[in-house]
Protein backbone atom coordinates (compact mmCIF):
# COMPACT_ATOMS: atom_id res chain seq x y z
CA UNK A 1 -35.71 -28.38 14.48
CA UNK A 2 -33.54 -25.76 14.19
CA UNK A 3 -33.59 -23.74 11.28
CA UNK A 4 -30.56 -22.52 8.64
CA UNK A 5 -31.88 -19.13 7.60
CA UNK A 6 -30.16 -16.76 4.66
CA UNK A 7 -30.33 -13.11 5.12
CA UNK A 8 -31.53 -11.67 1.86
CA UNK A 9 -29.56 -8.48 2.06
CA UNK A 10 -26.04 -9.33 2.60
CA UNK A 11 -26.54 -13.45 2.26
CA UNK A 12 -25.32 -14.37 5.71
CA UNK A 13 -26.59 -17.67 7.26
CA UNK A 14 -28.16 -17.73 10.96
CA UNK A 15 -29.25 -20.83 12.97
CA UNK A 16 -32.40 -20.44 14.49
CA UNK A 17 -32.30 -23.04 17.54
CA UNK A 18 -35.75 -23.66 18.08
CA UNK A 19 -34.48 -26.38 20.15
CA UNK A 20 -33.58 -24.00 22.79
CA UNK A 21 -36.45 -21.89 22.31
CA UNK A 22 -36.09 -18.53 24.61
CA UNK A 23 -38.95 -16.40 25.64
CA UNK A 24 -38.29 -13.26 27.13
CA UNK A 25 -38.06 -14.02 30.65
CA UNK A 26 -35.72 -17.30 29.94
CA UNK A 27 -32.79 -14.57 29.20
CA UNK A 28 -30.50 -13.90 32.15
CA UNK A 29 -29.63 -10.31 32.28
CA UNK A 30 -29.55 -7.11 34.44
CA UNK A 31 -31.95 -4.25 33.61
CA UNK A 32 -30.69 -0.98 32.87
CA UNK A 33 -31.71 1.40 35.55
CA UNK A 34 -30.51 4.65 35.92
CA UNK A 35 -29.33 6.32 39.26
CA UNK A 36 -28.05 9.19 40.12
CA UNK A 37 -24.32 9.63 40.32
CA UNK A 38 -22.40 12.36 41.82
CA UNK A 39 -19.97 14.16 39.25
CA UNK A 40 -21.38 13.18 36.05
CA UNK A 41 -19.53 14.78 33.20
CA UNK A 42 -22.64 14.90 30.92
CA UNK A 43 -24.91 16.63 33.53
CA UNK A 44 -26.12 20.44 33.67
CA UNK A 45 -23.09 22.30 35.80
CA UNK A 46 -20.45 19.94 34.63
CA UNK A 47 -20.23 21.47 31.18
CA UNK A 48 -16.04 21.97 32.05
CA UNK A 49 -15.59 18.63 32.32
CA UNK A 50 -16.14 17.52 28.55
CA UNK A 51 -14.37 19.10 25.49
CA UNK A 52 -15.65 22.21 24.44
CA UNK A 53 -19.22 21.80 22.36
CA UNK A 54 -19.51 21.42 18.73
CA UNK A 55 -23.43 21.92 18.73
CA UNK A 56 -26.22 22.84 21.41
CA UNK A 57 -29.78 23.27 21.40
CA UNK A 58 -31.97 24.73 23.89
CA UNK A 59 -30.07 27.30 25.31
CA UNK A 60 -31.71 30.93 25.60
CA UNK A 61 -29.01 33.18 26.82
CA UNK A 62 -25.64 32.36 29.09
CA UNK A 63 -22.58 31.82 27.57
CA UNK A 64 -21.39 28.43 25.72
CA UNK A 65 -20.60 25.54 27.83
CA UNK A 66 -23.06 26.77 30.41
CA UNK A 67 -26.48 25.18 31.88
CA UNK A 68 -29.28 25.25 30.21
CA UNK A 69 -29.28 23.30 27.15
CA UNK A 70 -31.34 20.43 25.88
CA UNK A 71 -28.98 18.72 23.60
CA UNK A 72 -25.05 19.13 23.90
CA UNK A 73 -22.37 17.61 21.33
CA UNK A 74 -18.96 17.63 22.42
CA UNK A 75 -15.92 15.59 21.01
CA UNK A 76 -15.22 12.44 22.68
CA UNK A 77 -12.40 12.88 25.55
CA UNK A 78 -11.00 9.85 24.64
CA UNK A 79 -11.39 9.57 20.87
CA UNK A 80 -10.99 6.62 18.83
CA UNK A 81 -9.57 8.69 15.88
CA UNK A 82 -8.26 12.27 16.09
CA UNK A 83 -9.58 15.31 14.18
CA UNK A 84 -6.04 16.83 13.13
CA UNK A 85 -3.44 15.79 10.75
CA UNK A 86 -3.12 14.03 7.17
CA UNK A 87 -4.25 10.53 6.18
CA UNK A 88 -0.79 9.96 4.80
CA UNK A 89 -1.82 6.54 3.21
CA UNK A 90 1.74 4.33 2.92
CA UNK A 91 2.32 0.65 2.43
CA UNK A 92 4.90 -1.44 4.28
CA UNK A 93 4.92 -4.40 1.73
CA UNK A 94 1.69 -6.54 1.83
CA UNK A 95 0.76 -4.33 4.68
CA UNK A 96 -1.33 -0.65 4.23
CA UNK A 97 -1.71 1.86 6.98
CA UNK A 98 -2.54 5.47 7.49
CA UNK A 99 -3.00 8.00 10.11
CA UNK A 100 -5.64 7.47 12.26
CA UNK A 101 -7.74 10.64 11.33
CA UNK A 102 -11.59 10.93 12.10
CA UNK A 103 -14.01 12.60 14.49
CA UNK A 104 -15.37 11.11 17.43
CA UNK A 105 -18.14 12.96 19.41
CA UNK A 106 -20.94 12.40 21.70
CA UNK A 107 -24.48 13.71 21.52
CA UNK A 108 -25.60 13.92 25.21
CA UNK A 109 -29.21 13.41 24.57
CA UNK A 110 -30.97 15.32 27.80
CA UNK A 111 -29.85 17.02 30.32
CA UNK A 112 -31.99 14.72 32.69
CA UNK A 113 -29.44 12.16 33.91
CA UNK A 114 -32.38 9.39 34.44
CA UNK A 115 -34.04 9.71 30.90
CA UNK A 116 -34.09 7.43 28.30
CA UNK A 117 -34.94 7.84 24.49
CA UNK A 118 -37.78 5.30 25.31
CA UNK A 119 -38.89 8.07 28.39
CA UNK A 120 -38.30 11.33 26.60
CA UNK A 121 -41.14 13.16 24.93
CA UNK A 122 -41.58 12.46 21.31
CA UNK A 123 -40.20 16.19 20.18
CA UNK A 124 -36.93 15.63 22.51
CA UNK A 125 -36.20 12.39 20.34
CA UNK A 126 -36.97 14.07 17.39
CA UNK A 127 -34.10 16.71 18.39
CA UNK A 128 -31.71 14.33 18.96
CA UNK A 129 -32.28 13.02 15.46
CA UNK A 130 -32.26 16.22 14.24
CA UNK A 131 -28.74 16.59 16.06
CA UNK A 132 -27.36 13.68 14.36
CA UNK A 133 -28.23 14.95 10.89
CA UNK A 134 -26.69 18.53 11.70
CA UNK A 135 -23.26 16.65 12.71
CA UNK A 136 -23.32 14.31 9.73
CA UNK A 137 -24.14 17.14 7.21
CA UNK A 138 -21.32 19.21 8.64
CA UNK A 139 -18.65 16.35 8.87
CA UNK A 140 -19.51 15.39 5.24
CA UNK A 141 -17.86 18.68 4.61
CA UNK A 142 -14.13 17.23 5.42
CA UNK A 143 -12.94 15.79 2.16
CA UNK A 144 -11.04 13.31 4.38
CA UNK A 145 -14.23 11.45 5.58
CA UNK A 146 -15.99 8.57 3.56
CA UNK A 147 -18.70 7.40 6.16
CA UNK A 148 -20.00 8.55 9.27
CA UNK A 149 -21.55 6.07 11.66
CA UNK A 150 -24.05 6.81 14.37
CA UNK A 151 -24.54 4.13 17.05
CA UNK A 152 -25.65 3.96 20.98
CA UNK A 153 -24.37 1.68 23.60
CA UNK A 154 -27.32 1.88 26.52
CA UNK A 155 -26.04 -0.09 29.56
CA UNK A 156 -23.15 -1.55 30.78
CA UNK A 157 -23.59 -4.65 29.10
CA UNK A 158 -23.67 -2.82 25.82
CA UNK A 159 -20.65 -1.02 26.30
CA UNK A 160 -21.69 2.11 27.85
CA UNK A 161 -18.91 3.55 29.93
CA UNK A 162 -21.09 6.55 31.10
CA UNK A 163 -24.57 5.99 32.36
CA UNK A 164 -25.95 9.76 31.26
CA UNK A 165 -28.03 9.06 28.11
CA UNK A 166 -26.16 9.80 25.56
CA UNK A 167 -25.27 8.28 21.88
CA UNK A 168 -22.11 8.75 19.47
CA UNK A 169 -20.70 9.48 16.12
CA UNK A 170 -17.56 8.48 14.53
CA UNK A 171 -16.33 9.81 11.05
CA UNK A 172 -13.72 7.38 9.32
CA UNK A 173 -11.65 7.98 6.38
CA UNK A 174 -12.86 4.75 4.71
CA UNK A 175 -16.09 2.75 4.10
CA UNK A 176 -16.24 -0.02 6.77
CA UNK A 177 -15.91 -3.17 5.04
CA UNK A 178 -19.53 -4.33 6.78
CA UNK A 179 -21.28 -1.33 5.16
CA UNK A 180 -19.61 -1.98 2.06
CA UNK A 181 -20.79 -5.59 1.84
CA UNK A 182 -24.22 -4.53 2.37
CA UNK A 183 -24.29 -1.74 -0.04
CA UNK A 184 -22.77 -3.86 -2.90
CA UNK A 185 -25.03 -6.57 -1.87
CA UNK A 186 -28.22 -4.07 -2.60
CA UNK A 187 -26.53 -3.18 -5.68
CA UNK A 188 -25.93 -6.46 -7.17
CA UNK A 189 -29.79 -7.17 -6.51
CA UNK A 190 -30.62 -3.80 -8.20
CA UNK A 191 -28.69 -4.68 -10.84
CA UNK A 192 -30.44 -7.76 -11.66
CA UNK A 193 -34.17 -6.88 -10.77
CA UNK A 194 -34.08 -3.20 -11.25
CA UNK A 195 -35.72 -2.82 -7.67
CA UNK A 196 -34.45 -2.27 -3.73
CA UNK A 197 -34.22 -5.24 -2.09
CA UNK A 198 -35.01 -3.64 1.20
CA UNK A 199 -38.18 -2.02 -0.56
CA UNK A 200 -39.01 -6.18 -1.36
CA UNK A 201 -38.49 -6.77 1.87
CA UNK A 202 -40.57 -4.11 3.23
CA UNK A 203 -43.46 -5.39 0.85
CA UNK A 204 -43.34 -8.83 1.49
CA UNK A 205 -43.48 -8.40 5.47
CA UNK A 206 -46.30 -6.07 5.36
CA UNK A 207 -47.94 -8.80 3.35
CA UNK A 208 -47.71 -11.35 5.73
CA UNK A 209 -47.42 -9.34 8.76
CA UNK A 210 -45.93 -11.93 10.56
CA UNK A 211 -42.65 -10.39 11.39
CA UNK A 212 -44.15 -6.88 11.40
CA UNK A 213 -43.86 -5.49 15.18
CA UNK A 214 -45.54 -2.05 14.32
CA UNK A 215 -45.68 0.69 12.22
CA UNK A 216 -47.01 4.13 11.45
CA UNK A 217 -47.23 6.96 8.32
CA UNK A 218 -43.94 6.60 7.44
CA UNK A 219 -41.70 3.62 8.69
CA UNK A 220 -42.19 0.32 10.01
CA UNK A 221 -40.53 -1.91 12.45
CA UNK A 222 -39.94 -5.29 12.04
CA UNK A 223 -38.11 -8.79 13.47
CA UNK A 224 -35.76 -9.50 10.30
CA UNK A 225 -35.92 -12.90 8.63
CA UNK A 226 -32.69 -13.96 9.47
CA UNK A 227 -31.90 -12.11 12.90
CA UNK A 228 -28.23 -12.71 14.48
CA UNK A 229 -29.74 -11.89 18.02
CA UNK A 230 -32.82 -12.40 19.83
CA UNK A 231 -35.34 -9.42 19.59
CA UNK A 232 -33.14 -7.76 16.81
CA UNK A 233 -35.41 -5.22 15.15
CA UNK A 234 -35.10 -3.04 12.27
CA UNK A 235 -36.64 0.28 11.63
CA UNK A 236 -37.23 1.26 7.95
CA UNK A 237 -38.55 3.75 6.19
CA UNK A 238 -41.75 2.73 3.71
CA UNK A 239 -40.84 5.24 0.85
CA UNK A 240 -37.32 4.39 -0.56
CA UNK A 241 -34.74 6.59 0.72
CA UNK A 242 -30.72 6.06 0.51
CA UNK A 243 -29.67 8.01 3.15
CA UNK A 244 -30.50 9.24 6.89
CA UNK A 245 -29.46 12.79 6.80
CA UNK A 246 -31.17 13.77 3.42
CA UNK A 247 -34.60 13.50 5.10
CA UNK A 248 -36.74 16.29 6.28
CA UNK A 249 -39.37 17.05 9.27
CA UNK A 250 -42.13 14.98 9.04
CA UNK A 251 -39.71 11.91 8.61
CA UNK A 252 -37.71 12.93 11.50
CA UNK A 253 -41.02 13.32 13.73
CA UNK A 254 -42.45 10.21 12.34
CA UNK A 255 -38.89 8.34 13.09
CA UNK A 256 -39.03 9.60 16.62
CA UNK A 257 -42.35 8.06 17.47
CA UNK A 258 -41.52 4.88 15.77
CA UNK A 259 -38.09 4.66 17.82
CA UNK A 260 -39.80 5.80 21.05
CA UNK A 261 -42.34 3.28 20.53
CA UNK A 262 -40.07 0.54 19.48
CA UNK A 263 -37.72 0.91 22.73
CA UNK A 264 -40.86 0.88 24.93
CA UNK A 265 -41.69 -2.38 23.36
CA UNK A 266 -38.41 -3.34 23.87
CA UNK A 267 -38.52 -2.20 27.76
CA UNK A 268 -41.98 -3.50 28.33
CA UNK A 269 -41.24 -7.19 27.03
CA UNK A 270 -37.72 -7.31 28.13
CA UNK A 271 -37.46 -5.17 31.28
CA UNK A 272 -35.15 -2.54 30.29
CA UNK A 273 -32.70 -4.54 28.36
CA UNK A 274 -28.98 -2.80 27.36
CA UNK A 275 -28.69 -2.63 23.71
CA UNK A 276 -27.12 -0.95 20.77
CA UNK A 277 -28.75 0.63 17.71
CA UNK A 278 -26.69 1.68 14.66
CA UNK A 279 -28.03 4.04 11.72
CA UNK A 280 -27.12 2.30 8.52
CA UNK A 281 -26.81 4.82 5.67
CA UNK A 282 -25.08 5.58 2.27
CA UNK A 283 -21.41 6.11 2.21
CA UNK A 284 -20.24 9.51 1.22
CA UNK A 285 -20.38 10.48 -2.27
CA UNK A 286 -23.06 7.74 -2.60
CA UNK A 287 -25.96 9.40 -0.80
CA UNK A 288 -28.54 9.64 -3.69
CA UNK A 289 -29.12 6.22 -5.48
CA UNK A 290 -31.94 3.52 -6.10
CA UNK A 291 -30.20 0.50 -4.68
CA UNK A 292 -29.70 1.03 -1.05
CA UNK A 293 -32.16 1.75 1.73
CA UNK A 294 -31.03 3.50 4.82
CA UNK A 295 -32.40 2.07 8.14
CA UNK A 296 -31.85 1.57 11.88
CA UNK A 297 -31.09 -1.55 13.62
CA UNK A 298 -31.68 -2.30 17.48
CA UNK A 299 -29.82 -5.19 18.92
CA UNK A 300 -30.74 -6.24 22.40
CA UNK A 301 -27.87 -7.49 24.66
CA UNK A 302 -29.24 -10.92 25.68
CA UNK A 303 -26.66 -13.65 24.50
CA UNK A 304 -22.88 -13.41 23.82
CA UNK A 305 -20.98 -14.01 20.89
CA UNK A 306 -18.61 -17.17 21.61
CA UNK A 307 -16.22 -19.45 19.46
CA UNK A 308 -19.01 -21.07 17.31
CA UNK A 309 -19.66 -17.50 16.00
CA UNK A 310 -16.15 -16.27 15.84
CA UNK A 311 -15.01 -19.64 14.39
CA UNK A 312 -17.94 -19.75 11.19
CA UNK A 313 -19.42 -16.22 11.25
CA UNK A 314 -22.73 -18.26 11.96
CA UNK A 315 -25.10 -16.58 14.71
CA UNK A 316 -26.93 -18.85 16.70
CA UNK A 317 -30.14 -17.43 17.60
CA UNK A 318 -32.72 -19.09 20.23
CA UNK A 319 -35.64 -17.04 19.56
CA UNK A 320 -37.39 -17.36 16.25
CA UNK A 321 -37.69 -13.81 14.74
CA UNK A 322 -41.70 -14.66 14.33
CA UNK A 323 -41.72 -15.27 18.34
CA UNK A 324 -40.20 -12.20 19.08
CA UNK A 325 -42.36 -9.79 16.56
CA UNK A 326 -45.18 -11.45 18.60
CA UNK A 327 -44.27 -10.85 21.86
CA UNK A 328 -43.16 -7.14 21.08
CA UNK A 329 -46.39 -6.44 18.63
CA UNK A 330 -48.37 -7.56 21.99
CA UNK A 331 -47.01 -5.62 24.34
CA UNK A 332 -48.82 -3.60 26.53
CA UNK A 333 -47.39 0.03 26.33
CA UNK A 334 -49.12 3.28 26.51
CA UNK A 335 -48.20 5.99 23.52
CA UNK A 336 -49.71 8.17 21.41
CA UNK A 337 -47.99 6.87 18.15
CA UNK A 338 -50.97 4.93 15.84
CA UNK A 339 -50.04 0.94 15.33
CA UNK A 340 -51.19 -0.56 12.29
CA UNK A 341 -51.96 -4.12 12.52
CA UNK A 342 -51.91 -6.23 9.30
């Protein structure tokens, strides 16, 4: 029988439609298979096709915006928001508006056009995480910004317009409503119980093991209790931390291992699916707190949001998270990371 499940973090209800139960090979999709394309703007030798780099790793010698790099960060050529100007907030009767001020950057994750985060060496994945941190810390110095979102669109179905491996960053002058709802929900739980709800979720999920996919010294990957989408996965630090950018070396190395392993498992089970991932972290000015727990969410693009979801805010998920976790936990992969099974 189908189930209605309530997400304990934000109180969102989802429908787990067991009558429609979908195994990994039941989803119609196109695997993301990279192929070399001429004139890729992110490949080495095409540096002049992007705006001037903001951050670069790996180049020894040579001038700026030249080959020899391992990671480049550049402004998005077609930004959603512009870096110049003042906010100039104003109202028109009931309506509020401000200038579209923000930052929109592209993190080019590797010079290898055919690479993915699942195929890169762990150290290269770690360097991508350090680039995220470096850019977040720099943008937080801009007093106009209230939130920095890191996200990745992998594959055309997930919204990627360029095939070369990359992720994106957008700094916003406001805290997005979805972020504020999640942070405030965590605060209400903490105010009542004096505990972080994510810490409680991690503790309970590790005790039962039913939805745990894999874990290492610092991180656990699990299928959330009330996932919006099939094979949705969350990567959470085991020790409480409220902001992604305030971590140090052992944590990023451990996260790189866990992220790579998780993506390898998704590739093995779902045949290299398109996906989105997002880093959920505390807003600027609220980085150190006891109630919010930063984490990453990975959402494979296996189903489409349609009229029911738009009309109700409910999501219909045809794959119970317990089944998704089992498929991913049992995936045959080759990885040096230690998987701890409960």
